[in-house]
Amino acid sequence: MKIALALVLLSAPLRAATPPAAPYGILLLAHGGDASWNAEVARLRRLVDAKAPTETSLGMADVESLQAAVDRLEKRGVARIVAVPLFVQTRSEVLDQTRYALGLADKPSAILKAAYERMGAAHAGHAAAGHGHKMEFSTARVKSREPIVMARALDDHELVGRILNERAKALSRGAEKAHLVLVGHGPVDESAVPVWKDSMMSLCAMAGSGGPFVDCGIALLRDDASPEIRAAAVADMREMVSRAKAGKLGPVVVVPLLIARGGIEKKIVKDLEGLDYAWDGKTLMPHAGFDAWVLESAAKADWAGKP
């Protein structure tokens, strides 16, 4: 009887089990860039995707790209979606607009809209050159069946501090004493400047740890702000580097707080033209550890008020 039952079970057609919905999928947000940068983001997506369903949206709050990525995640059966911004700072006009596009904010970013209107002509050529920045302001919103939240950007995460520390030490090798200056892109919104500075001062403590650095200064380029604000920011940055060099305590090491090369690093070099400082232009990526950070950031996302 037992043998007959076993034969019946073995002869029954096998039915594929329906896989349970993943607890959440990850919507990886990143600026678009050149082919090498886009390939680096694709590589990061594959690493994270091995642990949790992950799709990428490239651009600056580009609704078409966001919608396509959300659609792909929903087709993969995720029950919830966590947007993880591969950005230097959570306080960002682009992320404010992204929150609106994802239904996480009631109003679009008036500051980003004004910046786009001011920079439109200049950045139109930038986008046409294939750098992945579509400078079109839109009030369209993403349609999603599943709840969405957004995690924090890199801010002053220890991974960033560790990478900056590596970059700074490499540039100061052999020096008994040195000055360190971190340069970030900076926001358009004036009220966001203190947030950026607080985060960068925290990174300064990590970046200068264990090295020959007698001090660490921070500078914001304010590249997307008005010409007057940007000019004042550049003057402050030049004064900081000049003053440090005048102290004659050692070389001045300048390290960019940028995710990747994309033109801003060249502007920093141009803005510091004629000054004496150590520089190699290396950005945060490529570097090991970002896959773990994406997963950690997604796991810490705040689901309060969401189903």
C-alpha atoms as a PDB file:
ATOM      1  CA  MET A   1       0.000   0.000   0.000  1.00  0.00           C
ATOM      2  CA  LYS A   2       2.823   2.384   0.883  1.00  0.00           C
ATOM      3  CA  ILE A   3       4.606   1.557  -2.379  1.00  0.00           C
ATOM      4  CA  ALA A   4       1.437   2.199  -4.392  1.00  0.00           C
ATOM      5  CA  LEU A   5       0.923   5.566  -2.654  1.00  0.00           C
ATOM      6  CA  ALA A   6       4.501   6.567  -3.379  1.00  0.00           C
ATOM      7  CA  LEU A   7       4.059   5.696  -7.044  1.00  0.00           C
ATOM      8  CA  VAL A   8       0.914   7.794  -7.225  1.00  0.00           C
ATOM      9  CA  LEU A   9       2.713  10.776  -5.689  1.00  0.00           C
ATOM     10  CA  LEU A  10       5.676  10.401  -8.010  1.00  0.00           C
ATOM     11  CA  SER A  11       3.460  10.184 -11.061  1.00  0.00           C
ATOM     12  CA  ALA A  12       1.436  13.305 -10.139  1.00  0.00           C
ATOM     13  CA  PRO A  13       2.283  16.381 -12.231  1.00  0.00           C
ATOM     14  CA  LEU A  14       4.645  18.796 -10.508  1.00  0.00           C
ATOM     15  CA  ARG A  15       3.324  22.326  -9.991  1.00  0.00           C
ATOM     16  CA  ALA A  16       5.680  25.253  -9.614  1.00  0.00           C
ATOM     17  CA  ALA A  17       5.273  26.898  -6.248  1.00  0.00           C
ATOM     18  CA  THR A  18       4.395  30.587  -6.390  1.00  0.00           C
ATOM     19  CA  PRO A  19       7.351  32.432  -4.865  1.00  0.00           C
ATOM     20  CA  PRO A  20       6.434  34.700  -1.966  1.00  0.00           C
ATOM     21  CA  ALA A  21       6.557  38.423  -2.630  1.00  0.00           C
ATOM     22  CA  ALA A  22       9.879  39.978  -1.668  1.00  0.00           C
ATOM     23  CA  PRO A  23       9.583  42.108   1.506  1.00  0.00           C
ATOM     24  CA  TYR A  24      10.663  45.115  -0.526  1.00  0.00           C
ATOM     25  CA  GLY A  25      12.381  46.075  -3.719  1.00  0.00           C
ATOM     26  CA  ILE A  26      15.055  48.737  -3.995  1.00  0.00           C
ATOM     27  CA  LEU A  27      14.742  51.680  -6.353  1.00  0.00           C
ATOM     28  CA  LEU A  28      18.336  52.846  -6.781  1.00  0.00           C
ATOM     29  CA  LEU A  29      18.457  56.558  -7.618  1.00  0.00           C
ATOM     30  CA  ALA A  30      21.533  57.992  -9.332  1.00  0.00           C
ATOM     31  CA  HIS A  31      22.551  60.828 -11.591  1.00  0.00           C
ATOM     32  CA  GLY A  32      23.033  59.755 -15.158  1.00  0.00           C
ATOM     33  CA  GLY A  33      26.526  60.145 -16.579  1.00  0.00           C
ATOM     34  CA  ASP A  34      28.848  58.942 -19.283  1.00  0.00           C
ATOM     35  CA  ALA A  35      29.061  55.313 -20.377  1.00  0.00           C
ATOM     36  CA  SER A  36      31.652  54.358 -17.758  1.00  0.00           C
ATOM     37  CA  TRP A  37      29.614  55.852 -14.902  1.00  0.00           C
ATOM     38  CA  ASN A  38      26.366  54.284 -16.069  1.00  0.00           C
ATOM     39  CA  ALA A  39      28.195  50.939 -16.272  1.00  0.00           C
ATOM     40  CA  GLU A  40      29.440  51.427 -12.691  1.00  0.00           C
ATOM     41  CA  VAL A  41      25.873  52.049 -11.485  1.00  0.00           C
ATOM     42  CA  ALA A  42      24.722  48.957 -13.418  1.00  0.00           C
ATOM     43  CA  ARG A  43      27.440  46.903 -11.710  1.00  0.00           C
ATOM     44  CA  LEU A  44      26.306  48.197  -8.307  1.00  0.00           C
ATOM     45  CA  ARG A  45      22.700  47.299  -9.143  1.00  0.00           C
ATOM     46  CA  ARG A  46      23.712  43.732  -9.973  1.00  0.00           C
ATOM     47  CA  LEU A  47      25.558  43.363  -6.666  1.00  0.00           C
ATOM     48  CA  VAL A  48      22.578  44.624  -4.658  1.00  0.00           C
ATOM     49  CA  ASP A  49      20.105  42.709  -6.799  1.00  0.00           C
ATOM     50  CA  ALA A  50      21.738  39.464  -5.699  1.00  0.00           C
ATOM     51  CA  LYS A  51      20.407  40.231  -2.196  1.00  0.00           C
ATOM     52  CA  ALA A  52      17.158  42.132  -2.909  1.00  0.00           C
ATOM     53  CA  PRO A  53      15.210  42.978  -6.085  1.00  0.00           C
ATOM     54  CA  THR A  54      16.785  46.196  -7.363  1.00  0.00           C
ATOM     55  CA  GLU A  55      16.129  48.455 -10.324  1.00  0.00           C
ATOM     56  CA  THR A  56      17.830  51.714 -11.249  1.00  0.00           C
ATOM     57  CA  SER A  57      16.473  55.129 -12.163  1.00  0.00           C
ATOM     58  CA  LEU A  58      19.049  57.446 -13.708  1.00  0.00           C
ATOM     59  CA  GLY A  59      18.534  61.186 -13.937  1.00  0.00           C
ATOM     60  CA  MET A  60      17.462  64.194 -11.920  1.00  0.00           C
ATOM     61  CA  ALA A  61      13.929  63.363 -10.763  1.00  0.00           C
ATOM     62  CA  ASP A  62      13.204  62.074 -14.275  1.00  0.00           C
ATOM     63  CA  VAL A  63       9.606  60.808 -14.022  1.00  0.00           C
ATOM     64  CA  GLU A  64       9.874  58.561 -17.092  1.00  0.00           C
ATOM     65  CA  SER A  65      12.936  56.820 -15.672  1.00  0.00           C
ATOM     66  CA  LEU A  66      11.357  56.566 -12.207  1.00  0.00           C
ATOM     67  CA  GLN A  67       8.131  55.119 -13.606  1.00  0.00           C
ATOM     68  CA  ALA A  68       9.966  52.543 -15.697  1.00  0.00           C
ATOM     69  CA  ALA A  69      12.003  51.382 -12.687  1.00  0.00           C
ATOM     70  CA  VAL A  70       8.924  51.178 -10.448  1.00  0.00           C
ATOM     71  CA  ASP A  71       7.092  49.187 -13.137  1.00  0.00           C
ATOM     72  CA  ARG A  72       9.982  46.728 -13.341  1.00  0.00           C
ATOM     73  CA  LEU A  73       9.995  46.241  -9.567  1.00  0.00           C
ATOM     74  CA  GLU A  74       6.248  45.657  -9.461  1.00  0.00           C
ATOM     75  CA  LYS A  75       6.505  43.103 -12.267  1.00  0.00           C
ATOM     76  CA  ARG A  76       9.055  41.294 -10.110  1.00  0.00           C
ATOM     77  CA  GLY A  77       6.435  40.936  -7.374  1.00  0.00           C
ATOM     78  CA  VAL A  78       7.773  43.211  -4.649  1.00  0.00           C
ATOM     79  CA  ALA A  79       5.314  44.174  -1.921  1.00  0.00           C
ATOM     80  CA  ARG A  80       6.943  47.511  -1.066  1.00  0.00           C
ATOM     81  CA  ILE A  81       9.564  49.794  -2.601  1.00  0.00           C
ATOM     82  CA  VAL A  82      12.447  51.628  -0.935  1.00  0.00           C
ATOM     83  CA  ALA A  83      14.063  54.407  -2.966  1.00  0.00           C
ATOM     84  CA  VAL A  84      17.766  54.634  -2.057  1.00  0.00           C
ATOM     85  CA  PRO A  85      19.477  57.791  -3.345  1.00  0.00           C
ATOM     86  CA  LEU A  86      23.097  57.367  -4.408  1.00  0.00           C
ATOM     87  CA  PHE A  87      23.602  61.046  -3.580  1.00  0.00           C
ATOM     88  CA  VAL A  88      26.095  62.831  -1.341  1.00  0.00           C
ATOM     89  CA  GLN A  89      23.468  64.610   0.738  1.00  0.00           C
ATOM     90  CA  THR A  90      19.852  63.915   1.668  1.00  0.00           C
ATOM     91  CA  ARG A  91      19.097  67.649   1.685  1.00  0.00           C
ATOM     92  CA  SER A  92      18.918  68.111  -2.077  1.00  0.00           C
ATOM     93  CA  GLU A  93      16.593  69.987  -4.406  1.00  0.00           C
ATOM     94  CA  VAL A  94      16.722  67.046  -6.802  1.00  0.00           C
ATOM     95  CA  LEU A  95      15.670  64.656  -4.045  1.00  0.00           C
ATOM     96  CA  ASP A  96      12.926  67.080  -2.953  1.00  0.00           C
ATOM     97  CA  GLN A  97      11.549  66.896  -6.491  1.00  0.00           C
ATOM     98  CA  THR A  98      11.991  63.116  -6.527  1.00  0.00           C
ATOM     99  CA  ARG A  99       9.957  62.854  -3.321  1.00  0.00           C
ATOM    100  CA  TYR A 100       7.185  64.803  -5.014  1.00  0.00           C
ATOM    101  CA  ALA A 101       7.356  62.583  -8.106  1.00  0.00           C
ATOM    102  CA  LEU A 102       7.105  59.459  -5.919  1.00  0.00           C
ATOM    103  CA  GLY A 103       4.129  60.841  -3.975  1.00  0.00           C
ATOM    104  CA  LEU A 104       6.133  61.485  -0.806  1.00  0.00           C
ATOM    105  CA  ALA A 105       5.766  65.284  -0.866  1.00  0.00           C
ATOM    106  CA  ASP A 106       2.744  67.455  -1.557  1.00  0.00           C
ATOM    107  CA  LYS A 107       4.463  70.119  -3.642  1.00  0.00           C
ATOM    108  CA  PRO A 108       7.166  70.092  -6.327  1.00  0.00           C
ATOM    109  CA  SER A 109      10.450  71.832  -5.607  1.00  0.00           C
ATOM    110  CA  ALA A 110      10.075  75.527  -6.422  1.00  0.00           C
ATOM    111  CA  ILE A 111      13.818  75.963  -5.845  1.00  0.00           C
ATOM    112  CA  LEU A 112      14.726  73.315  -8.421  1.00  0.00           C
ATOM    113  CA  LYS A 113      12.229  74.760 -10.891  1.00  0.00           C
ATOM    114  CA  ALA A 114      13.778  78.228 -10.557  1.00  0.00           C
ATOM    115  CA  ALA A 115      17.280  76.748 -10.906  1.00  0.00           C
ATOM    116  CA  TYR A 116      16.257  74.891 -14.060  1.00  0.00           C
ATOM    117  CA  GLU A 117      14.800  78.060 -15.536  1.00  0.00           C
ATOM    118  CA  ARG A 118      18.016  79.927 -14.773  1.00  0.00           C
ATOM    119  CA  MET A 119      20.370  77.214 -15.989  1.00  0.00           C
ATOM    120  CA  GLY A 120      18.238  75.815 -18.785  1.00  0.00           C
ATOM    121  CA  ALA A 121      20.159  77.176 -21.746  1.00  0.00           C
ATOM    122  CA  ALA A 122      23.560  76.216 -20.342  1.00  0.00           C
ATOM    123  CA  HIS A 123      22.504  72.704 -19.320  1.00  0.00           C
ATOM    124  CA  ALA A 124      20.599  72.001 -22.523  1.00  0.00           C
ATOM    125  CA  GLY A 125      23.924  71.473 -24.267  1.00  0.00           C
ATOM    126  CA  HIS A 126      25.165  69.480 -21.274  1.00  0.00           C
ATOM    127  CA  ALA A 127      22.267  67.055 -21.619  1.00  0.00           C
ATOM    128  CA  ALA A 128      22.671  66.871 -25.372  1.00  0.00           C
ATOM    129  CA  ALA A 129      26.292  65.891 -24.899  1.00  0.00           C
ATOM    130  CA  GLY A 130      25.066  62.669 -23.290  1.00  0.00           C
ATOM    131  CA  HIS A 131      25.772  63.289 -19.627  1.00  0.00           C
ATOM    132  CA  GLY A 132      22.380  61.970 -18.582  1.00  0.00           C
ATOM    133  CA  HIS A 133      20.916  65.116 -17.034  1.00  0.00           C
ATOM    134  CA  LYS A 134      17.501  65.878 -18.510  1.00  0.00           C
ATOM    135  CA  MET A 135      16.961  69.498 -17.501  1.00  0.00           C
ATOM    136  CA  GLU A 136      13.167  69.434 -17.826  1.00  0.00           C
ATOM    137  CA  PHE A 137      11.006  70.326 -14.859  1.00  0.00           C
ATOM    138  CA  SER A 138       7.852  68.235 -14.625  1.00  0.00           C
ATOM    139  CA  THR A 139       4.896  68.072 -12.261  1.00  0.00           C
ATOM    140  CA  ALA A 140       4.005  64.553 -13.420  1.00  0.00           C
ATOM    141  CA  ARG A 141       4.010  61.847 -10.775  1.00  0.00           C
ATOM    142  CA  VAL A 142       4.794  58.164 -10.679  1.00  0.00           C
ATOM    143  CA  LYS A 143       1.906  55.698 -10.549  1.00  0.00           C
ATOM    144  CA  SER A 144       2.538  52.775  -8.226  1.00  0.00           C
ATOM    145  CA  ARG A 145       0.405  49.967  -6.840  1.00  0.00           C
ATOM    146  CA  GLU A 146       2.806  49.386  -3.961  1.00  0.00           C
ATOM    147  CA  PRO A 147       3.794  51.751  -1.121  1.00  0.00           C
ATOM    148  CA  ILE A 148       7.060  53.673  -1.544  1.00  0.00           C
ATOM    149  CA  VAL A 149       9.409  55.282   0.975  1.00  0.00           C
ATOM    150  CA  MET A 150      12.755  56.989   0.523  1.00  0.00           C
ATOM    151  CA  ALA A 151      15.881  56.185   2.532  1.00  0.00           C
ATOM    152  CA  ARG A 152      18.637  58.628   3.384  1.00  0.00           C
ATOM    153  CA  ALA A 153      21.493  59.543   1.061  1.00  0.00           C
ATOM    154  CA  LEU A 154      25.161  59.020   2.008  1.00  0.00           C
ATOM    155  CA  ASP A 155      25.409  62.109   4.262  1.00  0.00           C
ATOM    156  CA  ASP A 156      28.158  61.476   6.845  1.00  0.00           C
ATOM    157  CA  HIS A 157      28.096  57.689   6.677  1.00  0.00           C
ATOM    158  CA  GLU A 158      31.289  56.003   7.834  1.00  0.00           C
ATOM    159  CA  LEU A 159      31.853  54.571   4.342  1.00  0.00           C
ATOM    160  CA  VAL A 160      32.230  58.102   2.978  1.00  0.00           C
ATOM    161  CA  GLY A 161      34.578  59.086   5.808  1.00  0.00           C
ATOM    162  CA  ARG A 162      36.702  56.006   5.215  1.00  0.00           C
ATOM    163  CA  ILE A 163      37.021  56.676   1.472  1.00  0.00           C
ATOM    164  CA  LEU A 164      37.876  60.344   2.013  1.00  0.00           C
ATOM    165  CA  ASN A 165      40.476  59.270   4.566  1.00  0.00           C
ATOM    166  CA  GLU A 166      42.089  56.966   2.005  1.00  0.00           C
ATOM    167  CA  ARG A 167      42.104  59.702  -0.635  1.00  0.00           C
ATOM    168  CA  ALA A 168      43.550  62.293   1.757  1.00  0.00           C
ATOM    169  CA  LYS A 169      46.293  60.030   3.116  1.00  0.00           C
ATOM    170  CA  ALA A 170      47.388  59.079  -0.396  1.00  0.00           C
ATOM    171  CA  LEU A 171      47.804  62.749  -1.305  1.00  0.00           C
ATOM    172  CA  SER A 172      49.692  63.610   1.900  1.00  0.00           C
ATOM    173  CA  ARG A 173      52.085  60.659   1.856  1.00  0.00           C
ATOM    174  CA  GLY A 174      55.488  61.655   3.211  1.00  0.00           C
ATOM    175  CA  ALA A 175      54.295  64.890   4.818  1.00  0.00           C
ATOM    176  CA  GLU A 176      54.812  65.387   8.556  1.00  0.00           C
ATOM    177  CA  LYS A 177      52.017  67.950   8.659  1.00  0.00           C
ATOM    178  CA  ALA A 178      49.327  68.894   6.173  1.00  0.00           C
ATOM    179  CA  HIS A 179      46.089  70.823   5.806  1.00  0.00           C
ATOM    180  CA  LEU A 180      42.956  69.108   4.495  1.00  0.00           C
ATOM    181  CA  VAL A 181      40.144  70.788   2.545  1.00  0.00           C
ATOM    182  CA  LEU A 182      36.975  68.958   1.492  1.00  0.00           C
ATOM    183  CA  VAL A 183      35.056  70.473  -1.421  1.00  0.00           C
ATOM    184  CA  GLY A 184      31.406  69.591  -2.031  1.00  0.00           C
ATOM    185  CA  HIS A 185      28.983  70.551  -4.772  1.00  0.00           C
ATOM    186  CA  GLY A 186      26.606  72.235  -2.347  1.00  0.00           C
ATOM    187  CA  PRO A 187      22.891  73.066  -2.583  1.00  0.00           C
ATOM    188  CA  VAL A 188      20.979  75.825  -4.335  1.00  0.00           C
ATOM    189  CA  ASP A 189      18.760  76.368  -1.288  1.00  0.00           C
ATOM    190  CA  GLU A 190      20.417  78.704   1.201  1.00  0.00           C
ATOM    191  CA  SER A 191      18.603  77.080   4.108  1.00  0.00           C
ATOM    192  CA  ALA A 192      20.240  73.743   3.232  1.00  0.00           C
ATOM    193  CA  VAL A 193      23.787  75.110   3.528  1.00  0.00           C
ATOM    194  CA  PRO A 194      24.049  74.540   7.336  1.00  0.00           C
ATOM    195  CA  VAL A 195      22.920  70.915   6.859  1.00  0.00           C
ATOM    196  CA  TRP A 196      25.623  70.349   4.245  1.00  0.00           C
ATOM    197  CA  LYS A 197      28.249  72.010   6.425  1.00  0.00           C
ATOM    198  CA  ASP A 198      27.337  69.980   9.524  1.00  0.00           C
ATOM    199  CA  SER A 199      27.562  66.761   7.555  1.00  0.00           C
ATOM    200  CA  MET A 200      30.880  67.765   5.983  1.00  0.00           C
ATOM    201  CA  MET A 201      32.391  68.734   9.338  1.00  0.00           C
ATOM    202  CA  SER A 202      31.512  65.259  10.591  1.00  0.00           C
ATOM    203  CA  LEU A 203      33.242  63.823   7.519  1.00  0.00           C
ATOM    204  CA  CYS A 204      36.259  66.065   8.187  1.00  0.00           C
ATOM    205  CA  ALA A 205      36.826  64.329  11.519  1.00  0.00           C
ATOM    206  CA  MET A 206      36.834  60.955   9.779  1.00  0.00           C
ATOM    207  CA  ALA A 207      38.805  62.048   6.719  1.00  0.00           C
ATOM    208  CA  GLY A 208      41.649  63.508   8.785  1.00  0.00           C
ATOM    209  CA  SER A 209      41.876  60.646  11.250  1.00  0.00           C
ATOM    210  CA  GLY A 210      45.253  58.955  11.599  1.00  0.00           C
ATOM    211  CA  GLY A 211      46.941  61.261   9.099  1.00  0.00           C
ATOM    212  CA  PRO A 212      49.283  64.234   9.301  1.00  0.00           C
ATOM    213  CA  PHE A 213      46.461  66.756   9.133  1.00  0.00           C
ATOM    214  CA  VAL A 214      46.615  69.673  11.540  1.00  0.00           C
ATOM    215  CA  ASP A 215      43.184  70.910  10.487  1.00  0.00           C
ATOM    216  CA  CYS A 216      40.354  70.318   8.051  1.00  0.00           C
ATOM    217  CA  GLY A 217      38.279  72.914   6.247  1.00  0.00           C
ATOM    218  CA  ILE A 218      35.148  72.573   4.134  1.00  0.00           C
ATOM    219  CA  ALA A 219      34.078  74.456   1.022  1.00  0.00           C
ATOM    220  CA  LEU A 220      30.897  74.361  -1.054  1.00  0.00           C
ATOM    221  CA  LEU A 221      31.085  75.148  -4.749  1.00  0.00           C
ATOM    222  CA  ARG A 222      27.355  76.079  -4.991  1.00  0.00           C
ATOM    223  CA  ASP A 223      27.643  75.258  -8.688  1.00  0.00           C
ATOM    224  CA  ASP A 224      23.918  75.432  -9.478  1.00  0.00           C
ATOM    225  CA  ALA A 225      23.221  78.599  -7.493  1.00  0.00           C
ATOM    226  CA  SER A 226      23.127  82.054  -9.033  1.00  0.00           C
ATOM    227  CA  PRO A 227      26.395  83.377 -10.540  1.00  0.00           C
ATOM    228  CA  GLU A 228      26.794  85.813  -7.651  1.00  0.00           C
ATOM    229  CA  ILE A 229      26.426  83.116  -4.997  1.00  0.00           C
ATOM    230  CA  ARG A 230      28.740  80.766  -6.841  1.00  0.00           C
ATOM    231  CA  ALA A 231      31.377  83.491  -7.254  1.00  0.00           C
ATOM    232  CA  ALA A 232      31.284  84.213  -3.518  1.00  0.00           C
ATOM    233  CA  ALA A 233      31.604  80.489  -2.745  1.00  0.00           C
ATOM    234  CA  VAL A 234      34.624  80.167  -5.040  1.00  0.00           C
ATOM    235  CA  ALA A 235      36.242  83.213  -3.413  1.00  0.00           C
ATOM    236  CA  ASP A 236      35.767  81.591   0.021  1.00  0.00           C
ATOM    237  CA  MET A 237      37.280  78.336  -1.237  1.00  0.00           C
ATOM    238  CA  ARG A 238      40.321  80.095  -2.714  1.00  0.00           C
ATOM    239  CA  GLU A 239      40.794  82.067   0.507  1.00  0.00           C
ATOM    240  CA  MET A 240      40.680  78.858   2.545  1.00  0.00           C
ATOM    241  CA  VAL A 241      43.344  77.158   0.408  1.00  0.00           C
ATOM    242  CA  SER A 242      45.519  80.289   0.280  1.00  0.00           C
ATOM    243  CA  ARG A 243      45.339  80.835   4.035  1.00  0.00           C
ATOM    244  CA  ALA A 244      46.226  77.219   4.762  1.00  0.00           C
ATOM    245  CA  LYS A 245      49.210  77.374   2.432  1.00  0.00           C
ATOM    246  CA  ALA A 246      50.379  80.635   3.986  1.00  0.00           C
ATOM    247  CA  GLY A 247      50.613  78.847   7.352  1.00  0.00           C
ATOM    248  CA  LYS A 248      53.647  76.954   5.986  1.00  0.00           C
ATOM    249  CA  LEU A 249      52.873  73.896   8.107  1.00  0.00           C
ATOM    250  CA  GLY A 250      52.838  71.554   5.126  1.00  0.00           C
ATOM    251  CA  PRO A 251      50.982  70.873   1.879  1.00  0.00           C
ATOM    252  CA  VAL A 252      47.322  71.663   1.360  1.00  0.00           C
ATOM    253  CA  VAL A 253      45.399  68.563   0.338  1.00  0.00           C
ATOM    254  CA  VAL A 254      42.118  69.152  -1.509  1.00  0.00           C
ATOM    255  CA  VAL A 255      39.700  66.222  -1.815  1.00  0.00           C
ATOM    256  CA  PRO A 256      36.374  66.405  -3.677  1.00  0.00           C
ATOM    257  CA  LEU A 257      33.226  65.171  -1.980  1.00  0.00           C
ATOM    258  CA  LEU A 258      31.656  63.912  -5.189  1.00  0.00           C
ATOM    259  CA  ILE A 259      30.076  60.587  -6.093  1.00  0.00           C
ATOM    260  CA  ALA A 260      31.754  60.375  -9.479  1.00  0.00           C
ATOM    261  CA  ARG A 261      33.590  62.339 -12.122  1.00  0.00           C
ATOM    262  CA  GLY A 262      31.244  64.326 -14.290  1.00  0.00           C
ATOM    263  CA  GLY A 263      32.728  67.760 -14.839  1.00  0.00           C
ATOM    264  CA  ILE A 264      32.479  69.321 -11.376  1.00  0.00           C
ATOM    265  CA  GLU A 265      35.997  68.127 -10.509  1.00  0.00           C
ATOM    266  CA  LYS A 266      37.319  70.026 -13.536  1.00  0.00           C
ATOM    267  CA  LYS A 267      35.529  73.160 -12.373  1.00  0.00           C
ATOM    268  CA  ILE A 268      37.207  72.879  -8.969  1.00  0.00           C
ATOM    269  CA  VAL A 269      40.617  72.722 -10.636  1.00  0.00           C
ATOM    270  CA  LYS A 270      39.775  75.757 -12.757  1.00  0.00           C
ATOM    271  CA  ASP A 271      38.442  77.681  -9.754  1.00  0.00           C
ATOM    272  CA  LEU A 272      41.655  76.991  -7.805  1.00  0.00           C
ATOM    273  CA  GLU A 273      43.927  77.878 -10.710  1.00  0.00           C
ATOM    274  CA  GLY A 274      47.204  79.468  -9.625  1.00  0.00           C
ATOM    275  CA  LEU A 275      47.128  78.073  -6.095  1.00  0.00           C
ATOM    276  CA  ASP A 276      49.489  75.448  -4.664  1.00  0.00           C
ATOM    277  CA  TYR A 277      47.736  72.321  -3.425  1.00  0.00           C
ATOM    278  CA  ALA A 278      47.754  68.527  -3.755  1.00  0.00           C
ATOM    279  CA  TRP A 279      44.956  67.011  -5.817  1.00  0.00           C
ATOM    280  CA  ASP A 280      44.148  63.917  -7.848  1.00  0.00           C
ATOM    281  CA  GLY A 281      40.416  64.416  -8.435  1.00  0.00           C
ATOM    282  CA  LYS A 282      39.457  60.929  -7.208  1.00  0.00           C
ATOM    283  CA  THR A 283      35.790  60.706  -6.294  1.00  0.00           C
ATOM    284  CA  LEU A 284      33.933  58.384  -3.913  1.00  0.00           C
ATOM    285  CA  MET A 285      33.209  55.820  -6.600  1.00  0.00           C
ATOM    286  CA  PRO A 286      34.421  53.450  -7.791  1.00  0.00           C
ATOM    287  CA  HIS A 287      35.115  51.872  -4.406  1.00  0.00           C
ATOM    288  CA  ALA A 288      34.133  48.720  -2.569  1.00  0.00           C
ATOM    289  CA  GLY A 289      31.337  48.824  -0.004  1.00  0.00           C
ATOM    290  CA  PHE A 290      28.544  50.670  -1.765  1.00  0.00           C
ATOM    291  CA  ASP A 291      26.447  47.544  -2.221  1.00  0.00           C
ATOM    292  CA  ALA A 292      26.468  46.978   1.548  1.00  0.00           C
ATOM    293  CA  TRP A 293      25.582  50.645   2.100  1.00  0.00           C
ATOM    294  CA  VAL A 294      22.586  50.443  -0.269  1.00  0.00           C
ATOM    295  CA  LEU A 295      21.252  47.391   1.556  1.00  0.00           C
ATOM    296  CA  GLU A 296      21.848  49.007   4.959  1.00  0.00           C
ATOM    297  CA  SER A 297      20.174  52.239   3.904  1.00  0.00           C
ATOM    298  CA  ALA A 298      17.143  50.368   2.550  1.00  0.00           C
ATOM    299  CA  ALA A 299      16.840  48.321   5.745  1.00  0.00           C
ATOM    300  CA  LYS A 300      16.797  51.517   7.846  1.00  0.00           C
ATOM    301  CA  ALA A 301      14.086  53.243   5.815  1.00  0.00           C
ATOM    302  CA  ASP A 302      11.221  54.649   7.875  1.00  0.00           C
ATOM    303  CA  TRP A 303       7.912  52.924   7.085  1.00  0.00           C
ATOM    304  CA  ALA A 304       5.906  54.862   9.674  1.00  0.00           C
ATOM    305  CA  GLY A 305       2.438  55.611   8.288  1.00  0.00           C
ATOM    306  CA  LYS A 306       2.861  53.140   5.418  1.00  0.00           C
ATOM    307  CA  PRO A 307       1.087  49.783   5.106  1.00  0.00           C
END
